[in-house]
Amino acid sequence: MENGSFDNAPIATLMTRIAARLPMASLALAATVLSNALLLAYVGVFAASGRTPDRAMLYAGMCLLGAAAISCVGAYAMHRQQRAIEQRDAENRLLREAAVKKDEFLADVSHELRTPLNVILGYIDLLLDHSFGPLEPAQRDILHRITKNASNLSHLINDLIDLSRIEAGRLKIELETVDLGPLFSDMRSLMEVLLAGHDVAFHTTLAPGCMRVRTDGERLKQIVSNLLVNAVKFTERGSITLRAEARGIDTTIVSVTDTGIGIPASAHRAIFEPFRQVHDRGRHVPGAGIGLSISSRLARLMSGSLTVESEPGRGSCFTLTVPAATSDVCVEPLRRVC
């Protein structure tokens, strides 16, 4: 200190060292507290020299003390917020790791279940083909029931495997030109079995010239069969219609329309979530509620979409959009002008 002045270099050095050690949320508090210390040091200098600080100096000191209190509260709030963000990030990381482990476990278990189930189905086929001798009608009936339930279980296992692959980003899509004619023929054969004993008619409409699309053939068949199976579950009487037609010059839509119980508008998004069933709890419907979720995700992977239009009591219409094959675009025939 020379001529009444005060050397603040040590205090500045101390502030720099503290700032290097403190988190960003506490720097404002540290700066304010040290500024107050510097002010008090100056006041001490005045007192030691026998001079009295003027009113402006005292007012500045009061302002800095108030700022220190506000900075203390603000720094504490910032510190709490930073801790909350770090905790949330850690929890999200744990959730992501748990989801990956869940998908891996689901895929492993599904594979382990599918192998013995395929063996069971194979032996049943041998029995039905009389490979081990003739069967009585009652025996054949029992074997058919076993086959039906085992096939349903196999379908569920395949859906679980597909869901785990989609969640992990490991599902491969093989794009090719697919003829819709054989697909519609296969679906007619499927519906003959599914609708046996039901008071429901099945219709197909394939627009001329819209026979081919650019997509994954197996996955397209999986989506359409899921939609038809779903329609059978919720349609007790009336009809189910499978239709394909053009939408513009580069898109084909494949729709499944039924006269079933319908879906409320509030549940249109929920039905595409995995393991969600929005029907009446008193109505027993088989299935795990993942068919529509898988179908929707497969549609997006194939550069398409799956949407629904439905009202309670008026049936449902599920619409799948897929890219049309460029060499097979639906074009309206030219009209002769007289």
Protein backbone atom coordinates (compact mmCIF):
# COMPACT_ATOMS: atom_id res chain seq x y z
CA MET A 1 0.00 0.00 0.00
CA GLU A 2 1.47 3.32 -1.08
CA ASN A 3 -0.07 6.84 -0.66
CA GLY A 4 -3.39 5.45 0.62
CA SER A 5 -3.75 2.99 -2.27
CA PHE A 6 -4.43 -0.71 -1.86
CA ASP A 7 -2.71 -3.46 -3.83
CA ASN A 8 -5.45 -5.88 -5.03
CA ALA A 9 -3.14 -8.17 -7.00
CA PRO A 10 -3.20 -10.95 -4.33
CA ILE A 11 -7.00 -10.86 -4.27
CA ALA A 12 -7.16 -11.04 -8.08
CA THR A 13 -4.82 -14.03 -8.02
CA LEU A 14 -6.99 -15.70 -5.39
CA MET A 15 -10.13 -15.12 -7.52
CA THR A 16 -8.43 -16.71 -10.54
CA ARG A 17 -7.45 -19.80 -8.58
CA ILE A 18 -10.91 -20.22 -7.12
CA ALA A 19 -12.55 -19.77 -10.54
CA ALA A 20 -10.40 -22.58 -11.94
CA ARG A 21 -11.65 -24.96 -9.24
CA LEU A 22 -15.31 -23.99 -9.00
CA PRO A 23 -18.06 -25.22 -11.39
CA MET A 24 -19.61 -22.65 -13.74
CA ALA A 25 -22.75 -22.47 -11.61
CA SER A 26 -20.77 -21.07 -8.64
CA LEU A 27 -18.58 -18.50 -10.42
CA ALA A 28 -21.15 -15.73 -10.05
CA LEU A 29 -21.35 -16.33 -6.31
CA ALA A 30 -17.54 -16.44 -5.97
CA ALA A 31 -17.07 -13.24 -7.96
CA THR A 32 -19.66 -11.39 -5.88
CA VAL A 33 -18.28 -12.59 -2.54
CA LEU A 34 -14.73 -11.66 -3.49
CA SER A 35 -15.89 -8.28 -4.76
CA ASN A 36 -17.46 -7.66 -1.35
CA ALA A 37 -14.20 -8.71 0.29
CA LEU A 38 -12.36 -6.21 -1.87
CA LEU A 39 -14.85 -3.49 -0.91
CA LEU A 40 -14.49 -4.29 2.78
CA ALA A 41 -10.71 -4.15 2.38
CA TYR A 42 -11.00 -0.67 0.97
CA VAL A 43 -13.28 0.32 3.84
CA GLY A 44 -10.67 -1.05 6.22
CA VAL A 45 -8.03 1.05 4.55
CA PHE A 46 -10.15 4.14 5.10
CA ALA A 47 -10.66 3.22 8.75
CA ALA A 48 -6.93 2.59 9.30
CA SER A 49 -6.04 5.94 7.82
CA GLY A 50 -8.49 7.74 10.07
CA ARG A 51 -10.76 8.76 7.20
CA THR A 52 -14.48 7.99 7.02
CA PRO A 53 -15.90 6.39 3.81
CA ASP A 54 -18.33 8.66 2.02
CA ARG A 55 -22.00 7.87 1.56
CA ALA A 56 -21.52 6.63 -2.01
CA MET A 57 -19.02 4.02 -0.85
CA LEU A 58 -21.42 2.77 1.83
CA TYR A 59 -24.30 2.63 -0.68
CA ALA A 60 -22.14 0.64 -3.10
CA GLY A 61 -21.29 -1.76 -0.31
CA MET A 62 -24.96 -2.35 0.50
CA CYS A 63 -25.71 -3.00 -3.18
CA LEU A 64 -22.91 -5.51 -3.41
CA LEU A 65 -24.11 -7.29 -0.28
CA GLY A 66 -27.59 -7.57 -1.81
CA ALA A 67 -26.10 -8.84 -5.05
CA ALA A 68 -24.15 -11.41 -3.07
CA ALA A 69 -27.36 -12.76 -1.52
CA ILE A 70 -29.11 -12.92 -4.89
CA SER A 71 -26.09 -14.60 -6.50
CA CYS A 72 -26.02 -17.14 -3.68
CA VAL A 73 -29.62 -18.15 -4.37
CA GLY A 74 -29.06 -18.14 -8.14
CA ALA A 75 -25.87 -20.19 -7.92
CA TYR A 76 -27.61 -22.73 -5.70
CA ALA A 77 -30.50 -23.02 -8.15
CA MET A 78 -28.09 -23.42 -11.08
CA HIS A 79 -26.18 -26.08 -9.17
CA ARG A 80 -29.39 -28.00 -8.42
CA GLN A 81 -30.44 -27.78 -12.06
CA GLN A 82 -27.08 -29.06 -13.27
CA ARG A 83 -27.27 -31.97 -10.85
CA ALA A 84 -30.79 -32.78 -12.05
CA ILE A 85 -29.64 -32.74 -15.70
CA GLU A 86 -26.71 -35.02 -14.93
CA GLN A 87 -28.96 -37.41 -13.02
CA ARG A 88 -31.49 -37.48 -15.85
CA ASP A 89 -28.75 -38.17 -18.41
CA ALA A 90 -27.47 -41.03 -16.27
CA GLU A 91 -30.99 -42.48 -15.94
CA ASN A 92 -31.56 -42.21 -19.71
CA ARG A 93 -28.28 -44.00 -20.34
CA LEU A 94 -29.32 -46.81 -18.00
CA LEU A 95 -32.71 -47.04 -19.72
CA ARG A 96 -31.07 -47.31 -23.14
CA GLU A 97 -28.76 -50.04 -21.89
CA ALA A 98 -31.71 -51.89 -20.34
CA ALA A 99 -33.66 -51.62 -23.60
CA VAL A 100 -30.75 -53.11 -25.56
CA LYS A 101 -30.42 -55.98 -23.09
CA LYS A 102 -34.18 -56.55 -23.21
CA ASP A 103 -34.13 -56.76 -27.02
CA GLU A 104 -31.19 -59.16 -26.96
CA PHE A 105 -32.91 -61.34 -24.36
CA LEU A 106 -36.16 -61.29 -26.33
CA ALA A 107 -34.40 -62.31 -29.53
CA ASP A 108 -32.45 -65.12 -27.83
CA VAL A 109 -35.51 -66.54 -26.07
CA SER A 110 -37.59 -66.33 -29.25
CA HIS A 111 -34.96 -68.23 -31.21
CA GLU A 112 -34.78 -70.90 -28.51
CA LEU A 113 -38.56 -71.30 -28.56
CA ARG A 114 -38.87 -71.39 -32.34
CA THR A 115 -36.48 -74.30 -32.86
CA PRO A 116 -38.37 -76.96 -30.82
CA LEU A 117 -41.69 -75.60 -32.05
CA ASN A 118 -40.65 -76.16 -35.67
CA VAL A 119 -39.68 -79.73 -34.75
CA ILE A 120 -43.13 -80.30 -33.24
CA LEU A 121 -44.83 -78.94 -36.36
CA GLY A 122 -42.64 -81.15 -38.52
CA TYR A 123 -43.60 -84.32 -36.64
CA ILE A 124 -47.28 -83.37 -36.80
CA ASP A 125 -47.02 -83.02 -40.57
CA LEU A 126 -45.47 -86.48 -40.75
CA LEU A 127 -48.32 -87.88 -38.67
CA LEU A 128 -50.93 -86.24 -40.86
CA ASP A 129 -49.20 -87.67 -43.96
CA HIS A 130 -49.61 -91.21 -42.47
CA SER A 131 -45.83 -91.62 -42.24
CA PHE A 132 -46.32 -93.62 -39.03
CA GLY A 133 -49.51 -95.40 -40.00
CA PRO A 134 -53.18 -94.53 -40.58
CA LEU A 135 -55.05 -92.18 -38.24
CA GLU A 136 -58.56 -92.23 -36.90
CA PRO A 137 -60.76 -89.17 -37.66
CA ALA A 138 -60.64 -88.12 -34.01
CA GLN A 139 -56.85 -88.31 -34.04
CA ARG A 140 -56.63 -86.19 -37.17
CA ASP A 141 -58.95 -83.62 -35.62
CA ILE A 142 -56.75 -83.36 -32.53
CA LEU A 143 -53.62 -83.04 -34.67
CA HIS A 144 -55.23 -80.24 -36.68
CA ARG A 145 -56.03 -78.39 -33.47
CA ILE A 146 -52.44 -78.84 -32.30
CA THR A 147 -51.18 -77.55 -35.63
CA LYS A 148 -53.42 -74.49 -35.46
CA ASN A 149 -52.31 -73.52 -31.96
CA ALA A 150 -48.66 -74.29 -32.67
CA SER A 151 -48.85 -72.15 -35.83
CA ASN A 152 -50.32 -69.27 -33.82
CA LEU A 153 -47.49 -69.59 -31.32
CA SER A 154 -44.93 -69.71 -34.13
CA HIS A 155 -46.45 -66.57 -35.64
CA LEU A 156 -46.20 -64.80 -32.28
CA ILE A 157 -42.56 -65.84 -31.85
CA ASN A 158 -41.71 -64.56 -35.33
CA ASP A 159 -43.38 -61.25 -34.49
CA LEU A 160 -41.33 -60.96 -31.30
CA ILE A 161 -38.13 -61.64 -33.24
CA ASP A 162 -39.05 -59.04 -35.85
CA LEU A 163 -39.91 -56.49 -33.16
CA SER A 164 -36.57 -57.01 -31.43
CA ARG A 165 -34.72 -56.66 -34.74
CA ILE A 166 -36.59 -53.48 -35.63
CA GLU A 167 -35.89 -52.00 -32.19
CA ALA A 168 -32.19 -52.83 -32.57
CA GLY A 169 -32.06 -51.56 -36.18
CA ARG A 170 -30.97 -54.96 -37.50
CA LEU A 171 -33.95 -55.83 -39.71
CA LYS A 172 -32.96 -56.02 -43.38
CA ILE A 173 -35.30 -54.98 -46.16
CA GLU A 174 -34.75 -56.53 -49.61
CA LEU A 175 -36.39 -54.32 -52.23
CA GLU A 176 -37.57 -56.00 -55.41
CA THR A 177 -40.36 -55.86 -57.96
CA VAL A 178 -43.32 -57.74 -56.49
CA ASP A 179 -46.32 -59.01 -58.43
CA LEU A 180 -49.53 -58.42 -56.48
CA GLY A 181 -51.43 -61.17 -58.33
CA PRO A 182 -49.85 -64.13 -56.48
CA LEU A 183 -50.07 -62.21 -53.22
CA PHE A 184 -53.82 -61.72 -53.60
CA SER A 185 -54.20 -65.40 -54.51
CA ASP A 186 -52.34 -66.45 -51.36
CA MET A 187 -54.51 -64.14 -49.27
CA ARG A 188 -57.68 -65.66 -50.70
CA SER A 189 -56.45 -69.12 -49.67
CA LEU A 190 -55.60 -67.80 -46.20
CA MET A 191 -59.01 -66.20 -45.74
CA GLU A 192 -60.82 -69.37 -46.76
CA VAL A 193 -59.28 -71.03 -43.71
CA LEU A 194 -59.68 -68.07 -41.35
CA LEU A 195 -63.32 -67.40 -42.28
CA ALA A 196 -64.46 -71.04 -42.16
CA GLY A 197 -67.63 -71.09 -40.07
CA HIS A 198 -67.90 -67.27 -40.01
CA ASP A 199 -70.74 -65.24 -41.49
CA VAL A 200 -68.28 -62.96 -43.26
CA ALA A 201 -67.65 -62.61 -47.01
CA PHE A 202 -64.21 -61.88 -48.45
CA HIS A 203 -63.67 -59.81 -51.60
CA THR A 204 -60.57 -58.79 -53.50
CA THR A 205 -60.16 -55.98 -56.02
CA LEU A 206 -56.93 -55.57 -57.98
CA ALA A 207 -57.03 -52.61 -60.35
CA PRO A 208 -55.84 -53.43 -63.89
CA GLY A 209 -52.34 -52.20 -64.62
CA CYS A 210 -51.45 -51.95 -60.91
CA MET A 211 -50.00 -55.42 -60.68
CA ARG A 212 -46.47 -54.67 -59.49
CA VAL A 213 -44.87 -52.66 -56.70
CA ARG A 214 -41.32 -51.96 -55.55
CA THR A 215 -40.98 -53.39 -52.06
CA ASP A 216 -39.91 -56.40 -49.99
CA GLY A 217 -42.17 -59.26 -51.04
CA GLU A 218 -42.04 -61.26 -47.79
CA ARG A 219 -42.57 -58.20 -45.62
CA LEU A 220 -45.45 -57.00 -47.79
CA LYS A 221 -47.10 -60.40 -47.39
CA GLN A 222 -46.53 -60.19 -43.63
CA ILE A 223 -48.20 -56.77 -43.41
CA VAL A 224 -51.22 -57.73 -45.50
CA SER A 225 -51.74 -61.01 -43.64
CA ASN A 226 -51.50 -59.16 -40.31
CA LEU A 227 -54.18 -56.71 -41.45
CA LEU A 228 -56.46 -59.51 -42.65
CA VAL A 229 -56.02 -61.56 -39.47
CA ASN A 230 -56.79 -58.45 -37.45
CA ALA A 231 -59.93 -57.81 -39.52
CA VAL A 232 -61.15 -61.37 -38.92
CA LYS A 233 -60.73 -60.95 -35.15
CA PHE A 234 -63.04 -57.92 -35.00
CA THR A 235 -65.58 -58.70 -37.73
CA GLU A 236 -68.43 -61.00 -36.73
CA ARG A 237 -70.60 -60.45 -39.80
CA GLY A 238 -70.55 -58.53 -43.05
CA SER A 239 -67.49 -58.44 -45.30
CA ILE A 240 -63.75 -57.91 -45.53
CA THR A 241 -62.26 -56.43 -48.69
CA LEU A 242 -58.66 -56.44 -49.92
CA ARG A 243 -58.08 -53.79 -52.58
CA ALA A 244 -55.10 -52.42 -54.54
CA GLU A 245 -55.22 -49.28 -56.66
CA ALA A 246 -53.06 -46.42 -57.85
CA ARG A 247 -52.48 -43.15 -56.05
CA GLY A 248 -50.74 -40.83 -58.45
CA ILE A 249 -48.12 -42.13 -60.86
CA ASP A 250 -45.58 -43.54 -58.41
CA THR A 251 -47.59 -44.91 -55.48
CA THR A 252 -49.84 -47.92 -55.00
CA ILE A 253 -52.19 -48.29 -52.06
CA VAL A 254 -53.21 -51.66 -50.62
CA SER A 255 -56.18 -51.40 -48.29
CA VAL A 256 -58.07 -53.79 -46.01
CA THR A 257 -61.64 -52.72 -45.23
CA ASP A 258 -63.98 -54.49 -42.84
CA THR A 259 -67.45 -54.06 -41.35
CA GLY A 260 -66.31 -54.86 -37.82
CA ILE A 261 -66.70 -53.11 -34.48
CA GLY A 262 -64.54 -50.13 -35.45
CA ILE A 263 -62.01 -48.10 -33.48
CA PRO A 264 -62.61 -44.77 -31.70
CA ALA A 265 -60.65 -41.79 -33.01
CA SER A 266 -58.87 -41.38 -29.68
CA ALA A 267 -57.25 -44.81 -30.13
CA HIS A 268 -56.06 -44.45 -33.74
CA ARG A 269 -52.49 -43.75 -32.65
CA ALA A 270 -52.43 -46.19 -29.75
CA ILE A 271 -53.19 -49.24 -31.89
CA PHE A 272 -49.81 -48.85 -33.61
CA GLU A 273 -47.93 -49.01 -30.30
CA PRO A 274 -46.47 -52.41 -29.31
CA PHE A 275 -48.43 -54.55 -26.87
CA ARG A 276 -51.45 -52.22 -26.98
CA GLN A 277 -55.00 -53.49 -27.39
CA VAL A 278 -57.75 -50.88 -27.28
CA HIS A 279 -60.83 -53.09 -27.62
CA ASP A 280 -63.34 -53.68 -24.86
CA ARG A 281 -61.81 -55.55 -21.91
CA GLY A 282 -64.81 -57.84 -21.80
CA ARG A 283 -64.12 -59.01 -25.34
CA HIS A 284 -61.56 -61.81 -25.45
CA VAL A 285 -59.32 -61.41 -28.50
CA PRO A 286 -56.24 -63.58 -28.98
CA GLY A 287 -52.88 -62.00 -29.69
CA ALA A 288 -50.22 -59.92 -27.98
CA GLY A 289 -51.06 -56.62 -29.68
CA ILE A 290 -47.85 -56.27 -31.72
CA GLY A 291 -49.04 -57.08 -35.26
CA LEU A 292 -50.08 -53.53 -36.16
CA SER A 293 -46.99 -52.04 -34.54
CA ILE A 294 -44.70 -54.28 -36.60
CA SER A 295 -46.72 -53.63 -39.77
CA SER A 296 -46.49 -49.86 -39.32
CA ARG A 297 -42.72 -49.98 -38.77
CA LEU A 298 -42.20 -52.32 -41.70
CA ALA A 299 -44.17 -49.95 -43.93
CA ARG A 300 -41.89 -47.06 -42.98
CA LEU A 301 -38.79 -49.18 -43.59
CA MET A 302 -40.11 -49.90 -47.10
CA SER A 303 -40.59 -46.16 -47.84
CA GLY A 304 -44.33 -46.39 -47.29
CA SER A 305 -46.88 -45.78 -44.56
CA LEU A 306 -49.79 -47.45 -42.79
CA THR A 307 -52.82 -45.43 -41.71
CA VAL A 308 -56.30 -46.16 -40.40
CA GLU A 309 -59.78 -44.67 -40.84
CA SER A 310 -62.38 -46.03 -38.47
CA GLU A 311 -65.42 -45.23 -36.35
CA PRO A 312 -67.06 -47.38 -33.67
CA GLY A 313 -69.78 -49.53 -35.19
CA ARG A 314 -68.85 -48.60 -38.78
CA GLY A 315 -65.84 -50.79 -39.46
CA SER A 316 -62.24 -49.94 -40.25
CA CYS A 317 -60.07 -49.28 -43.29
CA PHE A 318 -56.31 -49.77 -43.04
CA THR A 319 -54.37 -48.24 -45.94
CA LEU A 320 -50.84 -49.28 -46.84
CA THR A 321 -48.90 -47.12 -49.31
CA VAL A 322 -45.97 -48.62 -51.22
CA PRO A 323 -43.90 -47.35 -54.17
CA ALA A 324 -45.20 -48.52 -57.51
CA ALA A 325 -42.86 -50.30 -59.91
CA THR A 326 -41.78 -47.65 -62.41
CA SER A 327 -42.35 -49.94 -65.35
CA ASP A 328 -45.89 -50.77 -64.27
CA VAL A 329 -47.58 -47.44 -63.56
CA CYS A 330 -51.36 -47.32 -63.66
CA VAL A 331 -52.38 -45.15 -66.60
CA GLU A 332 -55.93 -44.40 -67.61
CA PRO A 333 -56.64 -45.61 -71.17
CA LEU A 334 -56.90 -42.92 -73.83
CA ARG A 335 -60.41 -41.99 -74.89
CA ARG A 336 -61.33 -41.76 -78.55
CA VAL A 337 -62.37 -38.28 -79.61
CA CYS A 338 -64.99 -38.20 -82.36
